């Protein structure tokens, strides 16, 4: 077989991953399990959220998260299999989030996956959480056919509570990291600003809700462009909001929460959007992929969906936040690329997508 024919054969194989994979996700505060077929069809997608448990802390409390994962992991996996009307013997592999994430949380999911592999003999696949977010764009709503698959090369913006990354995806499983956060990730900035404004947790939905009644031009908050760089920094914006609030409180003025939320949101969205478009133009991609928890933000979605020059792929709202369907989807592609992990696989809390 010629080298060209070999490459084309491998490409077809990756583009048609006819496998059923059970995905397990416990990187932070969501205990999730899902079954995905062909890398694109969701057969089940079960999630046990811990948001209410962590609300009183204003953020994720790691020890609480890991204990809750232990309580939830078996029922969630059992639910995912039952909703898919499948048994372990009907599957081809088990994909589990290996990292990045909270060490104690990751270990719970990994140990569950290892136990299932020992009992079933299925393939074990350790998946990078950020890669999972990327492959959420290959999925459709549960019970529905997926839309057009993204085409390569594509420019991907991964934006969540712990990560803000710009990635050039050249092919399946082939990445070049262009930049990332230097301090607070966008989602973290949303959480901290929401707390500052007296709003609830998680901060993203609370800021969005408050911003609907506000004027995004009310406050001229800074944009950290970091010229000639695709890195991000939101610490200066967070500090600007803090100083504005302190000044208003010193003047004993009523805090215009809606205007503050709208102006903050506008600044974040502007930076995320502008840098992504700049990178897409430089690397001449036709497709843009936006994924991660913050991709659920309606202002951000509206901004990107208005584009006409690029094909924009944003997962359904149910797949923006942490879920196991995206881990199973990535697992399908990894499975057909030949990846097999052994039982010595350990958690990788700081695993970068550039290391894949």
Protein backbone atom coordinates (compact mmCIF):
# COMPACT_ATOMS: atom_id res chain seq x y z
CA UNK A 1 0.00 0.00 0.00
CA UNK A 2 1.36 3.43 -0.93
CA UNK A 3 1.94 6.03 1.77
CA UNK A 4 -0.94 8.12 0.38
CA UNK A 5 -3.32 5.14 0.35
CA UNK A 6 -2.23 4.23 3.86
CA UNK A 7 -2.97 7.77 5.10
CA UNK A 8 -6.36 7.79 3.35
CA UNK A 9 -7.20 4.41 4.90
CA UNK A 10 -6.27 5.67 8.37
CA UNK A 11 -8.33 8.82 7.82
CA UNK A 12 -11.42 6.82 6.82
CA UNK A 13 -10.91 4.65 9.89
CA UNK A 14 -10.82 7.68 12.16
CA UNK A 15 -13.77 9.35 10.47
CA UNK A 16 -15.92 6.24 10.91
CA UNK A 17 -15.26 5.05 14.48
CA UNK A 18 -17.79 2.21 14.64
CA UNK A 19 -17.49 1.51 18.34
CA UNK A 20 -19.58 1.77 21.47
CA UNK A 21 -17.69 3.42 24.30
CA UNK A 22 -18.68 4.00 27.92
CA UNK A 23 -17.37 7.36 29.13
CA UNK A 24 -16.74 8.31 32.76
CA UNK A 25 -16.09 11.90 33.87
CA UNK A 26 -15.14 13.01 37.41
CA UNK A 27 -12.58 15.76 36.84
CA UNK A 28 -14.27 18.35 39.06
CA UNK A 29 -17.74 18.40 40.63
CA UNK A 30 -19.87 16.50 38.11
CA UNK A 31 -20.18 12.73 38.35
CA UNK A 32 -21.06 11.59 34.84
CA UNK A 33 -21.30 8.50 32.68
CA UNK A 34 -22.45 8.08 29.08
CA UNK A 35 -22.47 5.65 26.18
CA UNK A 36 -21.61 6.96 22.71
CA UNK A 37 -21.76 5.06 19.42
CA UNK A 38 -19.68 5.84 16.33
CA UNK A 39 -18.07 8.78 18.11
CA UNK A 40 -21.18 10.86 17.32
CA UNK A 41 -24.40 9.25 18.59
CA UNK A 42 -25.33 9.62 22.27
CA UNK A 43 -27.08 6.51 23.54
CA UNK A 44 -27.17 7.76 27.13
CA UNK A 45 -25.78 10.68 29.10
CA UNK A 46 -26.22 10.70 32.88
CA UNK A 47 -24.91 13.49 35.13
CA UNK A 48 -25.09 13.95 38.90
CA UNK A 49 -24.39 17.61 39.64
CA UNK A 50 -22.83 18.84 42.88
CA UNK A 51 -23.54 22.54 42.33
CA UNK A 52 -25.87 22.82 45.31
CA UNK A 53 -23.28 21.21 47.61
CA UNK A 54 -20.60 23.72 46.66
CA UNK A 55 -22.81 26.82 46.46
CA UNK A 56 -22.25 27.67 50.12
CA UNK A 57 -18.49 27.77 49.53
CA UNK A 58 -18.77 29.97 46.43
CA UNK A 59 -16.68 27.43 44.53
CA UNK A 60 -15.72 23.77 44.40
CA UNK A 61 -14.52 22.30 47.70
CA UNK A 62 -12.18 19.46 46.59
CA UNK A 63 -12.66 17.13 49.56
CA UNK A 64 -16.44 17.43 49.35
CA UNK A 65 -16.30 16.77 45.61
CA UNK A 66 -14.28 13.56 45.88
CA UNK A 67 -16.49 12.16 48.67
CA UNK A 68 -19.61 12.86 46.63
CA UNK A 69 -18.08 11.19 43.57
CA UNK A 70 -17.61 8.02 45.61
CA UNK A 71 -21.30 8.05 46.53
CA UNK A 72 -22.51 8.79 43.01
CA UNK A 73 -20.19 6.93 40.66
CA UNK A 74 -21.74 3.44 40.72
CA UNK A 75 -25.39 4.60 40.40
CA UNK A 76 -24.47 6.96 37.54
CA UNK A 77 -22.60 4.28 35.55
CA UNK A 78 -25.45 1.84 36.14
CA UNK A 79 -27.94 4.49 34.96
CA UNK A 80 -25.95 5.19 31.78
CA UNK A 81 -25.85 1.50 30.84
CA UNK A 82 -29.54 0.99 31.55
CA UNK A 83 -30.59 4.06 29.56
CA UNK A 84 -28.49 2.82 26.63
CA UNK A 85 -30.12 -0.64 26.99
CA UNK A 86 -26.66 -2.20 26.95
CA UNK A 87 -24.45 -4.37 29.11
CA UNK A 88 -20.70 -4.15 29.48
CA UNK A 89 -20.34 -7.07 27.09
CA UNK A 90 -21.97 -4.96 24.35
CA UNK A 91 -19.24 -2.30 24.56
CA UNK A 92 -15.81 -1.97 22.98
CA UNK A 93 -14.04 0.14 25.57
CA UNK A 94 -14.21 2.34 28.65
CA UNK A 95 -12.94 5.91 28.38
CA UNK A 96 -12.27 7.87 31.56
CA UNK A 97 -11.01 11.37 32.23
CA UNK A 98 -7.38 11.06 33.31
CA UNK A 99 -6.76 14.80 33.62
CA UNK A 100 -6.52 17.68 33.98
CA UNK A 101 -8.65 18.12 37.08
CA UNK A 102 -8.83 17.73 40.85
CA UNK A 103 -6.61 14.79 41.90
CA UNK A 104 -9.07 13.32 44.39
CA UNK A 105 -11.95 13.55 41.94
CA UNK A 106 -10.01 12.06 39.03
CA UNK A 107 -8.95 9.03 41.08
CA UNK A 108 -12.58 8.06 41.77
CA UNK A 109 -13.46 7.87 38.09
CA UNK A 110 -10.21 6.16 37.11
CA UNK A 111 -10.59 3.48 39.79
CA UNK A 112 -14.18 2.84 38.70
CA UNK A 113 -13.04 2.44 35.08
CA UNK A 114 -10.21 0.10 36.08
CA UNK A 115 -12.59 -2.06 38.08
CA UNK A 116 -14.94 -2.36 35.11
CA UNK A 117 -12.04 -3.20 32.80
CA UNK A 118 -10.77 -5.92 35.13
CA UNK A 119 -14.23 -7.46 35.25
CA UNK A 120 -14.99 -7.18 31.54
CA UNK A 121 -11.70 -7.29 29.66
CA UNK A 122 -12.64 -4.16 27.71
CA UNK A 123 -10.08 -1.62 26.49
CA UNK A 124 -9.11 1.12 28.94
CA UNK A 125 -8.73 4.63 27.48
CA UNK A 126 -7.39 7.57 29.50
CA UNK A 127 -8.79 10.78 28.01
CA UNK A 128 -7.66 14.38 28.32
CA UNK A 129 -10.56 16.47 29.62
CA UNK A 130 -9.87 19.32 27.18
CA UNK A 131 -9.81 16.91 24.25
CA UNK A 132 -13.21 15.74 25.45
CA UNK A 133 -14.55 19.28 25.25
CA UNK A 134 -13.35 19.47 21.65
CA UNK A 135 -15.12 16.26 20.69
CA UNK A 136 -18.37 17.47 22.20
CA UNK A 137 -18.76 19.34 18.91
CA UNK A 138 -19.04 16.02 17.06
CA UNK A 139 -22.13 15.08 19.09
CA UNK A 140 -25.78 16.04 18.80
CA UNK A 141 -28.52 16.20 21.38
CA UNK A 142 -29.28 12.92 23.10
CA UNK A 143 -31.68 10.94 20.91
CA UNK A 144 -31.08 13.15 17.86
CA UNK A 145 -28.80 12.87 14.85
CA UNK A 146 -25.68 15.06 15.03
CA UNK A 147 -25.18 17.89 12.58
CA UNK A 148 -22.36 18.41 10.13
CA UNK A 149 -19.03 17.38 11.57
CA UNK A 150 -16.34 20.06 11.90
CA UNK A 151 -13.75 20.10 9.11
CA UNK A 152 -9.98 20.40 9.46
CA UNK A 153 -7.99 22.43 10.02
CA UNK A 154 -10.11 24.23 12.58
CA UNK A 155 -9.53 26.85 15.25
CA UNK A 156 -10.82 25.80 18.66
CA UNK A 157 -11.55 27.98 21.68
CA UNK A 158 -11.85 25.94 24.88
CA UNK A 159 -13.28 28.16 27.57
CA UNK A 160 -14.34 26.87 30.97
CA UNK A 161 -13.98 27.34 34.70
CA UNK A 162 -10.38 26.18 34.78
CA UNK A 163 -9.21 26.64 31.21
CA UNK A 164 -9.07 29.22 28.44
CA UNK A 165 -7.16 27.81 25.47
CA UNK A 166 -6.78 28.50 21.76
CA UNK A 167 -5.95 25.32 19.88
CA UNK A 168 -5.30 24.67 16.20
CA UNK A 169 -6.79 21.23 15.47
CA UNK A 170 -5.09 19.99 12.31
CA UNK A 171 -6.75 16.58 12.16
CA UNK A 172 -8.34 14.07 14.50
CA UNK A 173 -6.20 13.89 17.65
CA UNK A 174 -3.61 16.35 16.25
CA UNK A 175 -3.30 19.67 18.13
CA UNK A 176 -1.17 22.77 18.32
CA UNK A 177 -1.74 24.91 21.39
CA UNK A 178 -1.57 28.57 20.36
CA UNK A 179 -2.18 30.16 23.73
CA UNK A 180 -3.89 29.93 27.08
CA UNK A 181 -4.69 31.71 30.28
CA UNK A 182 -1.85 33.32 32.23
CA UNK A 183 -3.91 33.70 35.41
CA UNK A 184 -7.67 33.39 35.89
CA UNK A 185 -9.54 31.37 33.28
CA UNK A 186 -12.67 33.03 31.91
CA UNK A 187 -15.00 30.80 33.91
CA UNK A 188 -13.06 31.45 37.09
CA UNK A 189 -13.33 35.20 36.44
CA UNK A 190 -17.10 34.80 36.07
CA UNK A 191 -17.31 32.96 39.41
CA UNK A 192 -15.18 35.50 41.28
CA UNK A 193 -16.99 38.49 39.80
CA UNK A 194 -20.37 36.97 40.61
CA UNK A 195 -19.28 36.54 44.22
CA UNK A 196 -18.07 40.15 44.27
CA UNK A 197 -21.46 41.35 43.03
CA UNK A 198 -23.35 39.28 45.58
CA UNK A 199 -24.63 36.81 43.00
CA UNK A 200 -24.81 33.03 43.32
CA UNK A 201 -22.67 30.09 42.24
CA UNK A 202 -21.85 29.01 39.60
CA UNK A 203 -21.11 32.53 38.45
CA UNK A 204 -21.53 32.14 34.69
CA UNK A 205 -25.32 31.70 34.63
CA UNK A 206 -25.76 34.31 37.38
CA UNK A 207 -23.73 36.95 35.53
CA UNK A 208 -25.60 36.22 32.30
CA UNK A 209 -28.98 36.54 34.01
CA UNK A 210 -28.07 39.83 35.69
CA UNK A 211 -26.53 41.19 32.47
CA UNK A 212 -29.82 40.79 30.59
CA UNK A 213 -31.14 43.85 32.42
CA UNK A 214 -27.90 45.84 32.20
CA UNK A 215 -26.07 48.17 29.85
CA UNK A 216 -22.83 46.60 28.54
CA UNK A 217 -21.46 50.07 27.84
CA UNK A 218 -22.15 51.44 31.34
CA UNK A 219 -18.59 50.79 32.52
CA UNK A 220 -15.50 50.90 30.35
CA UNK A 221 -13.74 47.85 31.77
CA UNK A 222 -10.28 46.99 30.37
CA UNK A 223 -9.43 44.39 27.74
CA UNK A 224 -6.11 42.62 28.15
CA UNK A 225 -5.01 42.10 24.56
CA UNK A 226 -1.44 40.92 25.26
CA UNK A 227 -0.31 42.10 21.85
CA UNK A 228 1.34 39.53 19.54
CA UNK A 229 0.13 36.73 21.77
CA UNK A 230 -2.80 34.32 21.86
CA UNK A 231 -2.61 34.08 25.63
CA UNK A 232 -5.36 35.41 27.89
CA UNK A 233 -5.42 37.33 31.16
CA UNK A 234 -8.54 38.27 33.11
CA UNK A 235 -7.01 39.21 36.47
CA UNK A 236 -6.83 42.90 35.50
CA UNK A 237 -10.51 42.92 34.55
CA UNK A 238 -11.45 41.28 37.84
CA UNK A 239 -9.42 43.90 39.72
CA UNK A 240 -11.09 46.72 37.76
CA UNK A 241 -14.53 45.44 38.76
CA UNK A 242 -13.41 45.20 42.40
CA UNK A 243 -12.13 48.78 42.44
CA UNK A 244 -15.30 50.05 40.79
CA UNK A 245 -17.45 48.30 43.38
CA UNK A 246 -15.30 49.65 46.22
CA UNK A 247 -15.56 53.17 44.83
CA UNK A 248 -19.33 52.96 44.49
CA UNK A 249 -19.67 51.59 48.01
CA UNK A 250 -17.45 54.38 49.34
CA UNK A 251 -19.76 56.89 47.68
CA UNK A 252 -22.66 54.99 49.24
CA UNK A 253 -24.14 54.64 45.80
CA UNK A 254 -26.57 51.88 44.99
CA UNK A 255 -24.64 49.10 43.34
CA UNK A 256 -25.78 48.83 39.69
CA UNK A 257 -25.33 45.05 39.58
CA UNK A 258 -26.95 44.59 36.17
CA UNK A 259 -24.74 47.22 34.52
CA UNK A 260 -21.62 45.87 36.21
CA UNK A 261 -22.44 42.32 35.13
CA UNK A 262 -23.21 43.37 31.56
CA UNK A 263 -20.04 45.45 31.23
CA UNK A 264 -17.90 42.68 32.70
CA UNK A 265 -19.45 40.09 30.38
CA UNK A 266 -18.96 42.35 27.36
CA UNK A 267 -15.25 42.68 28.14
CA UNK A 268 -14.73 38.91 28.46
CA UNK A 269 -16.70 38.09 25.32
CA UNK A 270 -14.91 40.79 23.32
CA UNK A 271 -11.46 39.39 24.16
CA UNK A 272 -12.43 35.76 23.57
CA UNK A 273 -14.10 36.54 20.25
CA UNK A 274 -11.47 38.92 18.89
CA UNK A 275 -8.50 36.67 19.63
CA UNK A 276 -10.25 33.64 18.16
CA UNK A 277 -11.10 35.46 14.92
CA UNK A 278 -7.54 36.76 14.66
CA UNK A 279 -6.12 33.26 15.04
CA UNK A 280 -8.59 31.79 12.53
CA UNK A 281 -7.53 34.39 9.97
CA UNK A 282 -3.82 33.85 10.59
CA UNK A 283 -4.05 30.06 10.28
CA UNK A 284 -6.59 30.24 7.43
CA UNK A 285 -9.16 27.93 8.97
CA UNK A 286 -12.73 27.80 7.69
CA UNK A 287 -14.18 26.21 10.81
CA UNK A 288 -14.26 27.56 14.36
CA UNK A 289 -15.12 25.39 17.34
CA UNK A 290 -16.13 26.88 20.70
CA UNK A 291 -16.47 24.48 23.63
CA UNK A 292 -16.37 24.30 27.42
CA UNK A 293 -18.67 25.54 30.15
CA UNK A 294 -18.45 29.21 29.20
CA UNK A 295 -19.57 28.35 25.65
CA UNK A 296 -23.06 28.13 27.19
CA UNK A 297 -22.97 31.91 27.66
CA UNK A 298 -25.64 33.38 25.36
CA UNK A 299 -23.72 36.58 24.60
CA UNK A 300 -20.70 34.56 23.46
CA UNK A 301 -22.82 32.13 21.43
CA UNK A 302 -24.69 34.98 19.73
CA UNK A 303 -21.45 36.73 18.81
CA UNK A 304 -19.95 33.66 17.17
CA UNK A 305 -23.14 32.44 15.52
CA UNK A 306 -23.46 35.79 13.73
CA UNK A 307 -20.28 35.00 11.76
CA UNK A 308 -20.71 34.33 8.06
CA UNK A 309 -17.10 33.92 6.98
CA UNK A 310 -16.59 30.83 9.14
CA UNK A 311 -18.52 27.67 9.92
CA UNK A 312 -19.00 27.83 13.68
CA UNK A 313 -19.55 24.74 15.81
CA UNK A 314 -20.81 25.14 19.37
CA UNK A 315 -22.13 22.10 21.27
CA UNK A 316 -25.72 21.97 22.54
CA UNK A 317 -26.11 23.55 25.97
CA UNK A 318 -26.31 20.12 27.62
CA UNK A 319 -22.83 19.30 26.32
CA UNK A 320 -21.09 22.58 27.18
CA UNK A 321 -20.56 21.85 30.85
CA UNK A 322 -18.68 18.77 32.05
CA UNK A 323 -20.27 15.54 30.84
CA UNK A 324 -19.22 11.99 29.99
CA UNK A 325 -20.59 11.91 26.44
CA UNK A 326 -17.70 14.09 25.31
CA UNK A 327 -15.22 11.74 27.02
CA UNK A 328 -16.82 8.74 25.31
CA UNK A 329 -16.74 10.55 21.94
CA UNK A 330 -13.02 11.28 22.27
CA UNK A 331 -12.61 7.69 23.45
CA UNK A 332 -14.12 6.38 20.21
CA UNK A 333 -11.51 8.19 18.14
CA UNK A 334 -8.72 7.16 20.51
CA UNK A 335 -9.93 3.54 20.40
CA UNK A 336 -9.71 3.39 16.61
CA UNK A 337 -6.37 5.17 16.62
CA UNK A 338 -5.05 2.17 18.58
CA UNK A 339 -4.73 3.67 22.04
CA UNK A 340 -4.86 1.14 24.88
CA UNK A 341 -3.91 2.05 28.45
CA UNK A 342 -2.88 -0.40 31.14
CA UNK A 343 -3.96 -0.68 34.76
CA UNK A 344 -0.89 1.28 35.87
CA UNK A 345 -2.44 4.44 34.39
CA UNK A 346 -2.60 7.17 36.99
CA UNK A 347 -4.33 10.55 37.25
CA UNK A 348 -2.65 13.49 35.48
CA UNK A 349 -4.04 16.62 37.24
CA UNK A 350 -2.03 19.10 35.14
CA UNK A 351 -2.11 17.26 31.79
CA UNK A 352 -1.83 19.78 28.96
CA UNK A 353 -3.48 19.23 25.58
CA UNK A 354 -0.13 20.13 24.02
CA UNK A 355 1.27 16.89 25.50
CA UNK A 356 -1.11 14.70 23.48
